[in-house]
C-alpha atoms as a PDB file:
ATOM      1  CA  MET A   1     -40.576 -39.270  14.349  1.00  0.00           C
ATOM      2  CA  LYS A   2     -39.427 -38.761  17.923  1.00  0.00           C
ATOM      3  CA  PHE A   3     -40.290 -40.525  21.154  1.00  0.00           C
ATOM      4  CA  SER A   4     -38.862 -41.251  24.573  1.00  0.00           C
ATOM      5  CA  VAL A   5     -39.077 -44.881  25.698  1.00  0.00           C
ATOM      6  CA  PHE A   6     -38.154 -46.991  28.705  1.00  0.00           C
ATOM      7  CA  GLN A   7     -38.726 -50.704  29.301  1.00  0.00           C
ATOM      8  CA  VAL A   8     -38.366 -52.742  32.480  1.00  0.00           C
ATOM      9  CA  SER A   9     -39.043 -56.353  33.438  1.00  0.00           C
ATOM     10  CA  ARG A  10     -38.728 -57.862  36.922  1.00  0.00           C
ATOM     11  CA  LYS A  11     -39.094 -61.492  37.994  1.00  0.00           C
ATOM     12  CA  GLY A  12     -40.887 -60.678  41.247  1.00  0.00           C
ATOM     13  CA  GLY A  13     -41.636 -63.662  43.482  1.00  0.00           C
ATOM     14  CA  ARG A  14     -41.808 -66.197  40.661  1.00  0.00           C
ATOM     15  CA  LEU A  15     -39.171 -68.840  39.917  1.00  0.00           C
ATOM     16  CA  LYS A  16     -38.614 -67.436  36.436  1.00  0.00           C
ATOM     17  CA  ASN A  17     -39.645 -64.499  34.302  1.00  0.00           C
ATOM     18  CA  GLU A  18     -42.063 -65.563  31.568  1.00  0.00           C
ATOM     19  CA  ASP A  19     -42.677 -62.003  30.329  1.00  0.00           C
ATOM     20  CA  ARG A  20     -40.988 -60.642  27.209  1.00  0.00           C
ATOM     21  CA  MET A  21     -41.002 -57.167  25.680  1.00  0.00           C
ATOM     22  CA  GLY A  22     -39.148 -55.066  23.132  1.00  0.00           C
ATOM     23  CA  TYR A  23     -39.416 -52.547  20.337  1.00  0.00           C
ATOM     24  CA  CYS A  24     -38.182 -51.975  16.783  1.00  0.00           C
ATOM     25  CA  TYR A  25     -38.188 -48.946  14.534  1.00  0.00           C
ATOM     26  CA  THR A  26     -37.315 -47.630  11.121  1.00  0.00           C
ATOM     27  CA  ARG A  27     -37.025 -44.040   9.976  1.00  0.00           C
ATOM     28  CA  GLU A  28     -40.801 -43.612   9.816  1.00  0.00           C
ATOM     29  CA  SER A  29     -42.358 -46.366  11.926  1.00  0.00           C
ATOM     30  CA  GLY A  30     -42.104 -48.023  15.341  1.00  0.00           C
ATOM     31  CA  LEU A  31     -43.320 -51.341  16.766  1.00  0.00           C
ATOM     32  CA  PHE A  32     -43.723 -52.012  20.505  1.00  0.00           C
ATOM     33  CA  VAL A  33     -44.576 -55.535  21.725  1.00  0.00           C
ATOM     34  CA  LEU A  34     -45.146 -57.187  25.104  1.00  0.00           C
ATOM     35  CA  ALA A  35     -46.051 -60.827  25.799  1.00  0.00           C
ATOM     36  CA  ASP A  36     -46.836 -62.569  29.088  1.00  0.00           C
ATOM     37  CA  GLY A  37     -46.211 -66.327  29.043  1.00  0.00           C
ATOM     38  CA  MET A  38     -48.986 -68.119  30.889  1.00  0.00           C
ATOM     39  CA  GLY A  39     -48.319 -70.115  34.030  1.00  0.00           C
ATOM     40  CA  GLY A  40     -50.090 -73.435  34.398  1.00  0.00           C
ATOM     41  CA  HIS A  41     -48.863 -74.437  30.947  1.00  0.00           C
ATOM     42  CA  PRO A  42     -45.351 -75.504  29.933  1.00  0.00           C
ATOM     43  CA  GLU A  43     -42.693 -73.110  28.639  1.00  0.00           C
ATOM     44  CA  GLY A  44     -44.652 -69.891  28.859  1.00  0.00           C
ATOM     45  CA  GLU A  45     -41.432 -67.949  28.361  1.00  0.00           C
ATOM     46  CA  VAL A  46     -40.890 -69.767  25.048  1.00  0.00           C
ATOM     47  CA  ALA A  47     -44.375 -68.852  23.852  1.00  0.00           C
ATOM     48  CA  ALA A  48     -43.769 -65.200  24.781  1.00  0.00           C
ATOM     49  CA  GLN A  49     -40.369 -65.171  23.075  1.00  0.00           C
ATOM     50  CA  LEU A  50     -41.733 -66.793  19.923  1.00  0.00           C
ATOM     51  CA  ALA A  51     -44.512 -64.203  19.800  1.00  0.00           C
ATOM     52  CA  LEU A  52     -42.039 -61.331  20.013  1.00  0.00           C
ATOM     53  CA  GLN A  53     -39.602 -62.814  17.526  1.00  0.00           C
ATOM     54  CA  THR A  54     -42.260 -63.617  14.938  1.00  0.00           C
ATOM     55  CA  ILE A  55     -44.016 -60.241  15.120  1.00  0.00           C
ATOM     56  CA  ALA A  56     -40.684 -58.368  15.045  1.00  0.00           C
ATOM     57  CA  ALA A  57     -39.355 -60.398  12.121  1.00  0.00           C
ATOM     58  CA  LEU A  58     -42.506 -59.833  10.092  1.00  0.00           C
ATOM     59  CA  TYR A  59     -42.366 -56.125  10.959  1.00  0.00           C
ATOM     60  CA  GLN A  60     -38.787 -55.966   9.687  1.00  0.00           C
ATOM     61  CA  ARG A  61     -39.951 -57.538   6.438  1.00  0.00           C
ATOM     62  CA  GLU A  62     -42.939 -55.188   6.063  1.00  0.00           C
ATOM     63  CA  ALA A  63     -41.640 -51.817   7.321  1.00  0.00           C
ATOM     64  CA  ARG A  64     -39.854 -50.421   4.269  1.00  0.00           C
ATOM     65  CA  PRO A  65     -39.739 -47.913   5.928  1.00  0.00           C
ATOM     66  CA  ILE A  66     -43.477 -47.919   6.783  1.00  0.00           C
ATOM     67  CA  VAL A  67     -46.056 -50.673   7.094  1.00  0.00           C
ATOM     68  CA  LYS A  68     -48.501 -50.068   4.259  1.00  0.00           C
ATOM     69  CA  ASP A  69     -51.553 -51.611   5.967  1.00  0.00           C
ATOM     70  CA  VAL A  70     -51.072 -51.523   9.740  1.00  0.00           C
ATOM     71  CA  LYS A  71     -54.253 -53.368  10.709  1.00  0.00           C
ATOM     72  CA  ALA A  72     -53.585 -56.155   8.222  1.00  0.00           C
ATOM     73  CA  PHE A  73     -50.001 -56.432   9.471  1.00  0.00           C
ATOM     74  CA  LEU A  74     -51.050 -56.644  13.125  1.00  0.00           C
ATOM     75  CA  THR A  75     -53.672 -59.298  12.379  1.00  0.00           C
ATOM     76  CA  ALA A  76     -51.366 -61.415  10.224  1.00  0.00           C
ATOM     77  CA  SER A  77     -48.375 -61.140  12.568  1.00  0.00           C
ATOM     78  CA  VAL A  78     -50.322 -62.152  15.679  1.00  0.00           C
ATOM     79  CA  MET A  79     -51.821 -65.122  13.844  1.00  0.00           C
ATOM     80  CA  ALA A  80     -48.347 -66.030  12.564  1.00  0.00           C
ATOM     81  CA  ALA A  81     -47.062 -65.931  16.147  1.00  0.00           C
ATOM     82  CA  HIS A  82     -49.856 -68.285  17.192  1.00  0.00           C
ATOM     83  CA  GLN A  83     -48.971 -70.663  14.355  1.00  0.00           C
ATOM     84  CA  GLN A  84     -45.286 -70.606  15.317  1.00  0.00           C
ATOM     85  CA  ILE A  85     -46.135 -71.574  18.907  1.00  0.00           C
ATOM     86  CA  MET A  86     -48.383 -74.393  17.728  1.00  0.00           C
ATOM     87  CA  ARG A  87     -45.664 -75.601  15.368  1.00  0.00           C
ATOM     88  CA  TYR A  88     -43.116 -75.550  18.182  1.00  0.00           C
ATOM     89  CA  ALA A  89     -45.404 -77.632  20.403  1.00  0.00           C
ATOM     90  CA  GLY A  90     -46.136 -80.052  17.562  1.00  0.00           C
ATOM     91  CA  ASN A  91     -42.474 -80.534  16.716  1.00  0.00           C
ATOM     92  CA  LYS A  92     -41.736 -81.375  20.352  1.00  0.00           C
ATOM     93  CA  GLY A  93     -44.754 -83.658  20.677  1.00  0.00           C
ATOM     94  CA  MET A  94     -46.078 -81.671  23.648  1.00  0.00           C
ATOM     95  CA  LEU A  95     -49.363 -82.821  25.185  1.00  0.00           C
ATOM     96  CA  ASP A  96     -50.030 -79.300  26.473  1.00  0.00           C
ATOM     97  CA  THR A  97     -49.062 -76.236  24.447  1.00  0.00           C
ATOM     98  CA  PRO A  98     -47.078 -73.179  25.589  1.00  0.00           C
ATOM     99  CA  ARG A  99     -49.360 -70.144  25.778  1.00  0.00           C
ATOM    100  CA  THR A 100     -49.006 -66.383  26.018  1.00  0.00           C
ATOM    101  CA  THR A 101     -50.942 -63.156  25.940  1.00  0.00           C
ATOM    102  CA  VAL A 102     -49.718 -60.350  23.701  1.00  0.00           C
ATOM    103  CA  VAL A 103     -50.189 -56.643  23.091  1.00  0.00           C
ATOM    104  CA  ALA A 104     -48.508 -54.796  20.218  1.00  0.00           C
ATOM    105  CA  ALA A 105     -48.650 -51.241  18.922  1.00  0.00           C
ATOM    106  CA  VAL A 106     -47.446 -49.620  15.709  1.00  0.00           C
ATOM    107  CA  LEU A 107     -46.692 -45.892  15.754  1.00  0.00           C
ATOM    108  CA  GLN A 108     -46.458 -44.448  12.305  1.00  0.00           C
ATOM    109  CA  GLY A 109     -46.887 -40.973  10.896  1.00  0.00           C
ATOM    110  CA  THR A 110     -48.871 -39.279  13.658  1.00  0.00           C
ATOM    111  CA  THR A 111     -51.050 -42.229  14.679  1.00  0.00           C
ATOM    112  CA  ALA A 112     -50.912 -45.283  16.930  1.00  0.00           C
ATOM    113  CA  THR A 113     -52.751 -48.555  16.269  1.00  0.00           C
ATOM    114  CA  TRP A 114     -52.642 -51.573  18.552  1.00  0.00           C
ATOM    115  CA  ILE A 115     -53.782 -55.169  18.907  1.00  0.00           C
ATOM    116  CA  HIS A 116     -54.148 -57.355  21.987  1.00  0.00           C
ATOM    117  CA  CYS A 117     -55.037 -60.925  22.881  1.00  0.00           C
ATOM    118  CA  GLY A 118     -55.624 -61.856  26.519  1.00  0.00           C
ATOM    119  CA  ASP A 119     -54.980 -59.528  29.446  1.00  0.00           C
ATOM    120  CA  SER A 120     -51.732 -57.772  28.629  1.00  0.00           C
ATOM    121  CA  ARG A 121     -52.812 -54.146  28.435  1.00  0.00           C
ATOM    122  CA  LEU A 122     -52.123 -50.887  26.647  1.00  0.00           C
ATOM    123  CA  TYR A 123     -52.872 -47.543  28.316  1.00  0.00           C
ATOM    124  CA  VAL A 124     -52.946 -44.112  26.667  1.00  0.00           C
ATOM    125  CA  VAL A 125     -52.666 -41.082  28.951  1.00  0.00           C
ATOM    126  CA  ARG A 126     -53.175 -37.512  27.735  1.00  0.00           C
ATOM    127  CA  ASP A 127     -52.993 -34.321  29.806  1.00  0.00           C
ATOM    128  CA  GLY A 128     -53.004 -36.291  33.040  1.00  0.00           C
ATOM    129  CA  GLU A 129     -56.119 -38.295  32.199  1.00  0.00           C
ATOM    130  CA  LEU A 130     -56.701 -41.830  30.972  1.00  0.00           C
ATOM    131  CA  LEU A 131     -57.689 -41.479  27.324  1.00  0.00           C
ATOM    132  CA  THR A 132     -58.237 -45.178  26.686  1.00  0.00           C
ATOM    133  CA  ARG A 133     -57.025 -48.644  27.574  1.00  0.00           C
ATOM    134  CA  THR A 134     -57.510 -52.134  26.207  1.00  0.00           C
ATOM    135  CA  ARG A 135     -60.286 -54.333  27.553  1.00  0.00           C
ATOM    136  CA  ASP A 136     -59.104 -57.744  28.753  1.00  0.00           C
ATOM    137  CA  HIS A 137     -60.335 -60.955  27.189  1.00  0.00           C
ATOM    138  CA  SER A 138     -61.444 -62.298  30.570  1.00  0.00           C
ATOM    139  CA  HIS A 139     -64.620 -63.078  32.483  1.00  0.00           C
ATOM    140  CA  ALA A 140     -63.886 -60.060  34.675  1.00  0.00           C
ATOM    141  CA  GLU A 141     -64.066 -57.588  31.787  1.00  0.00           C
ATOM    142  CA  ARG A 142     -66.356 -59.502  29.442  1.00  0.00           C
ATOM    143  CA  PRO A 143     -68.874 -61.353  31.632  1.00  0.00           C
ATOM    144  CA  ARG A 144     -71.388 -63.576  29.888  1.00  0.00           C
ATOM    145  CA  ALA A 145     -74.843 -62.033  29.795  1.00  0.00           C
ATOM    146  CA  ASN A 146     -76.532 -65.333  30.679  1.00  0.00           C
ATOM    147  CA  ALA A 147     -74.060 -66.440  33.363  1.00  0.00           C
ATOM    148  CA  GLY A 148     -76.623 -65.914  36.134  1.00  0.00           C
ATOM    149  CA  ALA A 149     -75.455 -67.214  39.496  1.00  0.00           C
ATOM    150  CA  GLU A 150     -72.865 -69.478  37.915  1.00  0.00           C
ATOM    151  CA  ILE A 151     -69.568 -69.334  39.783  1.00  0.00           C
ATOM    152  CA  VAL A 152     -66.681 -68.614  37.441  1.00  0.00           C
ATOM    153  CA  ASN A 153     -63.104 -67.483  37.848  1.00  0.00           C
ATOM    154  CA  ARG A 154     -63.493 -63.877  36.768  1.00  0.00           C
ATOM    155  CA  ASN A 155     -59.782 -63.666  35.962  1.00  0.00           C
ATOM    156  CA  LEU A 156     -59.887 -66.706  33.679  1.00  0.00           C
ATOM    157  CA  LEU A 157     -58.776 -65.725  30.189  1.00  0.00           C
ATOM    158  CA  LEU A 158     -61.102 -66.282  27.272  1.00  0.00           C
ATOM    159  CA  THR A 159     -58.312 -66.472  24.684  1.00  0.00           C
ATOM    160  CA  CYS A 160     -54.542 -66.486  24.218  1.00  0.00           C
ATOM    161  CA  LEU A 161     -51.881 -67.425  21.695  1.00  0.00           C
ATOM    162  CA  GLY A 162     -50.909 -71.096  21.696  1.00  0.00           C
ATOM    163  CA  SER A 163     -54.299 -72.460  22.702  1.00  0.00           C
ATOM    164  CA  PRO A 164     -55.726 -75.250  20.507  1.00  0.00           C
ATOM    165  CA  THR A 165     -58.708 -72.968  19.818  1.00  0.00           C
ATOM    166  CA  THR A 166     -58.347 -70.078  17.380  1.00  0.00           C
ATOM    167  CA  PRO A 167     -57.250 -66.952  19.276  1.00  0.00           C
ATOM    168  CA  LEU A 168     -59.471 -63.886  19.405  1.00  0.00           C
ATOM    169  CA  PHE A 169     -58.076 -60.376  19.463  1.00  0.00           C
ATOM    170  CA  ASP A 170     -59.091 -56.740  19.223  1.00  0.00           C
ATOM    171  CA  ILE A 171     -57.539 -54.102  16.963  1.00  0.00           C
ATOM    172  CA  SER A 172     -57.956 -50.412  17.749  1.00  0.00           C
ATOM    173  CA  ALA A 173     -58.880 -47.673  15.350  1.00  0.00           C
ATOM    174  CA  PRO A 174     -55.888 -45.443  14.564  1.00  0.00           C
ATOM    175  CA  LEU A 175     -55.426 -42.871  17.341  1.00  0.00           C
ATOM    176  CA  GLN A 176     -54.196 -39.431  16.340  1.00  0.00           C
ATOM    177  CA  LEU A 177     -51.291 -38.683  18.652  1.00  0.00           C
ATOM    178  CA  GLN A 178     -50.589 -35.387  20.357  1.00  0.00           C
ATOM    179  CA  ARG A 179     -47.312 -34.107  21.732  1.00  0.00           C
ATOM    180  CA  GLY A 180     -46.852 -35.397  25.257  1.00  0.00           C
ATOM    181  CA  ASP A 181     -49.139 -38.437  24.901  1.00  0.00           C
ATOM    182  CA  ARG A 182     -47.887 -41.352  26.971  1.00  0.00           C
ATOM    183  CA  ILE A 183     -48.488 -44.970  26.005  1.00  0.00           C
ATOM    184  CA  MET A 184     -47.773 -47.958  28.222  1.00  0.00           C
ATOM    185  CA  LEU A 185     -47.857 -51.662  27.415  1.00  0.00           C
ATOM    186  CA  CYS A 186     -47.807 -53.857  30.532  1.00  0.00           C
ATOM    187  CA  SER A 187     -48.406 -57.348  31.896  1.00  0.00           C
ATOM    188  CA  ASP A 188     -51.003 -58.189  34.528  1.00  0.00           C
ATOM    189  CA  GLY A 189     -48.250 -58.299  37.131  1.00  0.00           C
ATOM    190  CA  LEU A 190     -48.458 -54.498  37.055  1.00  0.00           C
ATOM    191  CA  TRP A 191     -52.106 -53.592  36.572  1.00  0.00           C
ATOM    192  CA  GLY A 192     -53.329 -56.481  38.738  1.00  0.00           C
ATOM    193  CA  VAL A 193     -51.920 -54.965  41.943  1.00  0.00           C
ATOM    194  CA  LEU A 194     -52.113 -51.212  41.254  1.00  0.00           C
ATOM    195  CA  ASP A 195     -55.214 -49.033  41.161  1.00  0.00           C
ATOM    196  CA  GLU A 196     -55.897 -47.556  37.752  1.00  0.00           C
ATOM    197  CA  ALA A 197     -55.864 -44.030  39.198  1.00  0.00           C
ATOM    198  CA  LEU A 198     -52.379 -44.629  40.604  1.00  0.00           C
ATOM    199  CA  ILE A 199     -51.156 -46.008  37.280  1.00  0.00           C
ATOM    200  CA  VAL A 200     -52.463 -42.975  35.415  1.00  0.00           C
ATOM    201  CA  HIS A 201     -51.137 -40.513  38.004  1.00  0.00           C
ATOM    202  CA  THR A 202     -47.651 -42.041  37.988  1.00  0.00           C
ATOM    203  CA  LEU A 203     -47.516 -42.376  34.226  1.00  0.00           C
ATOM    204  CA  SER A 204     -48.663 -38.788  33.687  1.00  0.00           C
ATOM    205  CA  SER A 205     -46.490 -37.189  36.355  1.00  0.00           C
ATOM    206  CA  GLY A 206     -43.942 -34.558  35.423  1.00  0.00           C
ATOM    207  CA  LYS A 207     -41.215 -37.198  35.513  1.00  0.00           C
ATOM    208  CA  PRO A 208     -39.755 -38.537  32.259  1.00  0.00           C
ATOM    209  CA  VAL A 209     -40.857 -42.063  31.361  1.00  0.00           C
ATOM    210  CA  SER A 210     -37.361 -43.270  32.290  1.00  0.00           C
ATOM    211  CA  ASP A 211     -38.320 -42.476  35.905  1.00  0.00           C
ATOM    212  CA  ALA A 212     -42.064 -43.149  35.806  1.00  0.00           C
ATOM    213  CA  ALA A 213     -41.680 -46.678  34.389  1.00  0.00           C
ATOM    214  CA  PRO A 214     -39.340 -48.037  37.098  1.00  0.00           C
ATOM    215  CA  ASP A 215     -41.465 -46.280  39.741  1.00  0.00           C
ATOM    216  CA  LEU A 216     -44.496 -48.246  38.548  1.00  0.00           C
ATOM    217  CA  ALA A 217     -42.547 -51.498  38.529  1.00  0.00           C
ATOM    218  CA  GLU A 218     -41.286 -50.966  42.080  1.00  0.00           C
ATOM    219  CA  MET A 219     -44.771 -50.127  43.365  1.00  0.00           C
ATOM    220  CA  ALA A 220     -46.181 -53.265  41.748  1.00  0.00           C
ATOM    221  CA  LEU A 221     -43.470 -55.439  43.297  1.00  0.00           C
ATOM    222  CA  ARG A 222     -44.107 -53.960  46.752  1.00  0.00           C
ATOM    223  CA  ASN A 223     -47.860 -54.404  46.478  1.00  0.00           C
ATOM    224  CA  GLY A 224     -47.464 -57.926  45.145  1.00  0.00           C
ATOM    225  CA  GLY A 225     -45.343 -58.931  48.109  1.00  0.00           C
ATOM    226  CA  THR A 226     -43.300 -62.102  48.307  1.00  0.00           C
ATOM    227  CA  HIS A 227     -45.532 -63.837  45.759  1.00  0.00           C
ATOM    228  CA  SER A 228     -45.460 -60.998  43.243  1.00  0.00           C
ATOM    229  CA  ASP A 229     -46.050 -61.910  39.617  1.00  0.00           C
ATOM    230  CA  ASN A 230     -43.561 -60.970  36.917  1.00  0.00           C
ATOM    231  CA  VAL A 231     -43.810 -57.209  36.334  1.00  0.00           C
ATOM    232  CA  THR A 232     -43.081 -55.923  32.832  1.00  0.00           C
ATOM    233  CA  LEU A 233     -43.832 -52.693  31.000  1.00  0.00           C
ATOM    234  CA  ILE A 234     -42.805 -50.490  28.107  1.00  0.00           C
ATOM    235  CA  ALA A 235     -43.642 -46.794  28.500  1.00  0.00           C
ATOM    236  CA  LEU A 236     -43.131 -44.147  25.847  1.00  0.00           C
ATOM    237  CA  GLU A 237     -43.837 -40.480  25.335  1.00  0.00           C
ATOM    238  CA  TRP A 238     -44.635 -39.190  21.890  1.00  0.00           C
ATOM    239  CA  GLU A 239     -42.523 -36.271  20.632  1.00  0.00           C
ATOM    240  CA  MET A 240     -41.264 -35.368  24.065  1.00  0.00           C
ATOM    241  CA  PRO A 241     -40.433 -31.632  24.244  1.00  0.00           C
ATOM    242  CA  GLU A 242     -36.798 -30.868  24.896  1.00  0.00           C
ATOM    243  CA  ALA A 243     -36.008 -29.969  28.489  1.00  0.00           C
ATOM    244  CA  THR A 244     -32.812 -28.797  30.129  1.00  0.00           C
ATOM    245  CA  GLY A 245     -30.877 -31.692  31.630  1.00  0.00           C
ATOM    246  CA  GLN A 246     -33.301 -34.255  30.245  1.00  0.00           C
ATOM    247  CA  ALA A 247     -32.024 -37.241  28.288  1.00  0.00           C
ATOM    248  CA  ARG A 248     -32.799 -37.125  24.599  1.00  0.00           C
ATOM    249  CA  GLY A 249     -35.385 -39.545  23.326  1.00  0.00           C
ATOM    250  CA  VAL A 250     -35.171 -41.704  20.239  1.00  0.00           C
ATOM    251  CA  SER A 251     -35.169 -39.586  17.105  1.00  0.00           C
ATOM    252  CA  THR A 252     -35.506 -41.493  13.863  1.00  0.00           C
ATOM    253  CA  ASP A 253     -34.829 -38.468  11.673  1.00  0.00           C
ATOM    254  CA  SER A 254     -31.144 -39.336  11.294  1.00  0.00           C
ATOM    255  CA  ILE A 255     -31.774 -42.984  10.372  1.00  0.00           C
ATOM    256  CA  SER A 256     -31.223 -43.964   6.758  1.00  0.00           C
ATOM    257  CA  ASP A 257     -34.198 -45.370   4.890  1.00  0.00           C
ATOM    258  CA  GLY A 258     -32.848 -48.923   4.863  1.00  0.00           C
ATOM    259  CA  VAL A 259     -31.895 -49.113   8.543  1.00  0.00           C
ATOM    260  CA  PHE A 260     -33.852 -51.243  11.017  1.00  0.00           C
ATOM    261  CA  ALA A 261     -33.176 -50.959  14.784  1.00  0.00           C
ATOM    262  CA  SER A 262     -34.464 -53.479  17.311  1.00  0.00           C
ATOM    263  CA  THR A 263     -34.199 -54.552  20.945  1.00  0.00           C
ATOM    264  CA  ILE A 264     -35.719 -57.900  19.896  1.00  0.00           C
ATOM    265  CA  GLN A 265     -32.842 -59.855  18.420  1.00  0.00           C
ATOM    266  CA  ALA A 266     -31.952 -63.169  20.039  1.00  0.00           C
ATOM    267  CA  GLY A 267     -33.169 -66.170  18.096  1.00  0.00           C
ATOM    268  CA  MET A 268     -35.090 -64.262  15.435  1.00  0.00           C
ATOM    269  CA  PRO A 269     -36.845 -66.679  13.054  1.00  0.00           C
ATOM    270  CA  SER A 270     -35.022 -66.989   9.764  1.00  0.00           C
ATOM    271  CA  ASP A 271     -36.576 -65.855   6.502  1.00  0.00           C
ATOM    272  CA  SER A 272     -37.051 -69.501   5.527  1.00  0.00           C
ATOM    273  CA  GLU A 273     -38.989 -70.209   8.720  1.00  0.00           C
ATOM    274  CA  LEU A 274     -41.250 -67.226   8.092  1.00  0.00           C
ATOM    275  CA  ASP A 275     -41.745 -68.236   4.479  1.00  0.00           C
ATOM    276  CA  ASP A 276     -42.783 -71.685   5.711  1.00  0.00           C
ATOM    277  CA  LEU A 277     -45.638 -70.278   7.775  1.00  0.00           C
ATOM    278  CA  ASP A 278     -48.940 -71.784   6.691  1.00  0.00           C
ATOM    279  CA  GLU A 279     -50.425 -68.652   5.143  1.00  0.00           C
ATOM    280  CA  ASP A 280     -53.624 -70.494   4.189  1.00  0.00           C
ATOM    281  CA  ALA A 281     -54.141 -71.583   7.800  1.00  0.00           C
ATOM    282  CA  ILE A 282     -53.564 -68.021   8.989  1.00  0.00           C
ATOM    283  CA  GLU A 283     -56.060 -66.682   6.457  1.00  0.00           C
ATOM    284  CA  ARG A 284     -58.629 -69.314   7.488  1.00  0.00           C
ATOM    285  CA  SER A 285     -58.176 -68.385  11.145  1.00  0.00           C
ATOM    286  CA  ILE A 286     -58.581 -64.678  10.372  1.00  0.00           C
ATOM    287  CA  ALA A 287     -61.738 -65.430   8.376  1.00  0.00           C
ATOM    288  CA  GLU A 288     -63.102 -67.457  11.299  1.00  0.00           C
ATOM    289  CA  ILE A 289     -62.406 -64.586  13.673  1.00  0.00           C
ATOM    290  CA  ASN A 290     -64.077 -62.048  11.383  1.00  0.00           C
ATOM    291  CA  GLU A 291     -67.113 -64.303  11.022  1.00  0.00           C
ATOM    292  CA  ALA A 292     -67.355 -64.719  14.809  1.00  0.00           C
ATOM    293  CA  ILE A 293     -67.183 -60.943  15.236  1.00  0.00           C
ATOM    294  CA  ARG A 294     -69.879 -60.485  12.581  1.00  0.00           C
ATOM    295  CA  ARG A 295     -72.196 -62.997  14.281  1.00  0.00           C
ATOM    296  CA  SER A 296     -71.615 -61.393  17.668  1.00  0.00           C
ATOM    297  CA  ALA A 297     -72.442 -57.932  16.277  1.00  0.00           C
ATOM    298  CA  ALA A 298     -75.582 -59.305  14.627  1.00  0.00           C
ATOM    299  CA  ARG A 299     -76.783 -60.835  17.919  1.00  0.00           C
ATOM    300  CA  LYS A 300     -76.251 -57.534  19.759  1.00  0.00           C
ATOM    301  CA  ALA A 301     -78.175 -55.664  17.057  1.00  0.00           C
END
């Protein structure tokens, strides 16, 4: 497995950076995660960090060296992250809970599968064109059919991790990757101020992702002005062809089967903390989500 990857996070015009991102990989699998702590609630950066740490720790436990059931892992790990945030808030006696959006992707074999909750996005660009992107859990992208003339904040999120209500999320079907495919995970500080066409054009330019990613971040900061949101992204290219003078990407071929590499390290939950997760509560939440999806599909039919 071979890919080129670059990650960047900038505070922008905010007092602090509440975004978090990182990636992990084994010989045959890779995990990429980005979380955007939500302003208007306390300790958004803690919620984002807990989400990353929990998902990465569970990935380390499952990827030996591959994750056997990627969709089940993504579902369980995101719900575990939600439970960890709620536990943190409960232990501190917080009246309002820390909250975060999240998007995570697992690349394994020759496919990519991803999950998202909220409005942190994933883009896939192929041959200079947008192949697909996630659809935000917001009024802007999922307006209510019976809203009528009701005035709503179209950017208001419908779900997130850390909310007292059970989070909703979407999981993609596995996407068969092709050489040169580019995948980007980003916070709304990027896509909220840049046209989609510009994002796709910059991401699919002839530049390596190590140049395209910081270019996108700088454009977002300029467009956002003095009150720019945090701007965070991870961009990667799948099986990047070798080119003269071009930096080598990450090649996992030389990694031993038992080796786990990660850029998500500080404060990782211990095995005992992960074992203490309320698995029954997670399973109940997943069942509730699946039932809600089933009812929604039945209404549309």
